[in-house]
Protein backbone atom coordinates (compact mmCIF):
# COMPACT_ATOMS: atom_id res chain seq x y z
CA MET A 1 -0.06 0.03 -0.01
CA THR A 2 1.29 3.22 -0.77
CA THR A 3 0.71 6.45 1.23
CA LEU A 4 0.06 9.78 -0.47
CA ALA A 5 1.98 12.83 1.12
CA ILE A 6 -0.38 15.54 1.85
CA ARG A 7 0.77 18.75 0.69
CA PRO A 8 -0.58 21.94 2.86
CA PHE A 9 -3.23 23.92 0.67
CA LYS A 10 -1.46 26.95 -0.79
CA PRO A 11 -4.20 29.25 -1.98
CA ARG A 12 -3.16 31.02 -5.41
CA GLN A 13 -2.45 34.70 -5.01
CA ALA A 14 -4.99 36.83 -6.65
CA ARG A 15 -3.70 38.83 -9.32
CA ALA A 16 -4.57 42.57 -9.20
CA LYS A 17 -7.23 43.36 -11.93
CA PRO A 18 -5.85 45.87 -14.63
CA VAL A 19 -7.12 49.34 -14.29
CA ASP A 20 -8.54 50.58 -17.55
CA ARG A 21 -7.16 54.13 -17.22
CA GLU A 22 -7.79 54.70 -20.87
CA GLY A 23 -11.51 53.94 -20.51
CA GLN A 24 -11.82 55.59 -17.25
CA GLU A 25 -10.34 59.08 -18.75
CA GLN A 26 -12.55 58.87 -21.94
CA ALA A 27 -15.70 58.44 -19.79
CA ALA A 28 -14.69 61.51 -17.89
CA LEU A 29 -14.20 63.13 -21.28
CA MET A 30 -17.78 62.14 -22.19
CA GLN A 31 -19.07 63.48 -19.19
CA GLU A 32 -17.31 66.98 -19.43
CA LEU A 33 -18.00 67.03 -23.02
CA GLN A 34 -21.98 66.76 -22.14
CA LEU A 35 -21.74 69.85 -19.73
CA ARG A 36 -19.51 71.92 -21.94
CA PHE A 37 -20.59 70.94 -25.54
CA PRO A 38 -23.96 69.29 -25.47
CA GLN A 39 -24.24 69.59 -29.26
CA ALA A 40 -20.94 67.81 -29.85
CA PHE A 41 -21.91 65.37 -27.04
CA LYS A 42 -25.15 64.49 -29.19
CA LEU A 43 -23.27 63.26 -32.04
CA ILE A 44 -19.65 62.14 -30.83
CA TYR A 45 -19.44 58.47 -30.41
CA HIS A 46 -16.82 55.85 -29.59
CA VAL A 47 -15.84 52.86 -32.00
CA PRO A 48 -15.50 49.75 -29.50
CA ASN A 49 -12.65 48.03 -31.40
CA GLY A 50 -10.40 47.22 -28.74
CA GLY A 51 -10.44 44.85 -25.84
CA HIS A 52 -9.95 41.16 -25.79
CA ARG A 53 -12.57 38.91 -27.12
CA VAL A 54 -13.23 35.27 -27.66
CA LYS A 55 -12.04 33.93 -31.26
CA ALA A 56 -15.29 33.47 -32.53
CA VAL A 57 -16.62 36.94 -31.34
CA ALA A 58 -13.56 38.43 -32.96
CA GLY A 59 -14.22 36.47 -36.02
CA LYS A 60 -17.97 37.61 -36.19
CA LEU A 61 -16.98 41.14 -35.55
CA LYS A 62 -14.23 41.31 -38.29
CA ALA A 63 -16.93 39.72 -40.67
CA GLN A 64 -19.38 42.56 -39.84
CA GLY A 65 -16.70 45.22 -40.55
CA VAL A 66 -14.79 45.76 -37.25
CA LYS A 67 -11.20 47.10 -38.65
CA ALA A 68 -7.94 47.42 -36.54
CA GLY A 69 -6.66 50.67 -36.08
CA VAL A 70 -9.95 52.73 -36.41
CA PRO A 71 -9.74 55.78 -34.11
CA ASP A 72 -11.73 55.51 -30.60
CA LEU A 73 -13.85 58.62 -30.99
CA VAL A 74 -15.57 60.21 -34.00
CA LEU A 75 -17.21 63.55 -34.12
CA PRO A 76 -19.26 64.11 -37.27
CA MET A 77 -19.18 67.78 -37.43
CA ALA A 78 -17.44 69.45 -40.49
CA ARG A 79 -15.29 72.21 -39.34
CA GLY A 80 -12.24 74.43 -40.59
CA GLY A 81 -12.36 72.57 -43.79
CA TYR A 82 -12.37 69.04 -42.54
CA PHE A 83 -15.29 66.57 -42.76
CA GLY A 84 -15.19 65.47 -39.29
CA LEU A 85 -12.83 64.67 -36.45
CA TYR A 86 -11.32 61.28 -35.43
CA ILE A 87 -9.43 61.26 -31.95
CA GLU A 88 -7.34 57.98 -31.07
CA PHE A 89 -7.64 58.26 -27.42
CA LYS A 90 -4.70 57.34 -25.19
CA ALA A 91 -4.62 57.52 -21.40
CA MET A 92 -2.54 60.23 -20.09
CA PRO A 93 1.30 59.63 -19.55
CA PRO A 94 2.66 57.53 -17.77
CA PHE A 95 -0.30 55.42 -18.48
CA ASP A 96 -0.43 55.92 -22.27
CA ALA A 97 0.19 53.24 -24.93
CA GLU A 98 2.11 53.52 -28.12
CA VAL A 99 0.35 54.25 -31.33
CA SER A 100 0.22 50.90 -33.24
CA PRO A 101 1.20 50.85 -36.86
CA ASN A 102 -2.35 50.08 -37.53
CA GLN A 103 -3.58 52.97 -35.93
CA ASP A 104 -1.00 55.16 -37.40
CA ALA A 105 -1.91 53.94 -40.78
CA TYR A 106 -5.62 54.49 -40.35
CA ILE A 107 -4.99 58.04 -39.13
CA GLN A 108 -3.30 58.78 -42.26
CA ALA A 109 -5.66 57.36 -44.45
CA LEU A 110 -8.49 59.68 -42.83
CA THR A 111 -6.21 62.54 -43.17
CA GLY A 112 -5.94 61.92 -46.81
CA GLN A 113 -9.95 61.81 -46.90
CA GLY A 114 -10.25 65.11 -45.61
CA TYR A 115 -10.79 64.41 -41.71
CA LEU A 116 -8.89 65.73 -39.01
CA ALA A 117 -7.43 62.58 -37.34
CA ILE A 118 -5.30 63.00 -34.21
CA VAL A 119 -3.92 61.15 -31.31
CA CYS A 120 -4.93 62.78 -27.54
CA ARG A 121 -3.20 61.76 -24.55
CA GLY A 122 -5.80 62.09 -21.62
CA ARG A 123 -9.06 63.83 -21.31
CA ILE A 124 -7.43 67.51 -20.96
CA ASP A 125 -5.75 66.90 -24.41
CA ALA A 126 -8.69 65.73 -26.17
CA MET A 127 -11.21 68.29 -24.62
CA GLU A 128 -8.75 71.16 -25.88
CA ALA A 129 -8.48 69.48 -29.25
CA ILE A 130 -12.21 69.04 -29.44
CA ARG A 131 -12.77 72.58 -28.37
CA ALA A 132 -10.22 73.89 -30.81
CA TYR A 133 -12.06 72.03 -33.47
CA LEU A 134 -15.41 73.26 -32.55
CA LEU A 135 -14.14 77.07 -32.79
CA GLN A 136 -13.29 76.70 -36.32
CA PRO A 137 -15.90 77.87 -38.98
CA GLN A 138 -18.46 75.43 -40.05
CA THR A 139 -17.48 73.50 -43.22
CA VAL A 140 -19.71 74.23 -45.83
CA ALA A 141 -20.05 71.91 -49.15
CA ALA A 142 -20.00 73.83 -52.28
């Protein structure tokens, strides 16, 4: 007969959940935008391209048109000769991430199509960019 060695139970150390600083800052931007620029708030929207998904869901979304690199926020208000504003939103340093090659390529493509496409780091940077954009005269189609 063999005896089994009984090992003392060692609970796994719980990993700290990652903090979504970018998401928190972007939500704060939306709150401030709603108060300061309600007309822009009505039109601006978030493109939920990022995040980790199960492969099956990712495949379905890709088939439905989700594309890597599309900026996070879209403001479809034509100003200053542009057709609209796209913002790739990053958390404020030191929690910001690099702009990926796909994001950079998409920003360049949007710029080539007459949109203002920019990277903003943090809600203060983004709010200032939106404010400056909205101060420009409305783009009028000829």
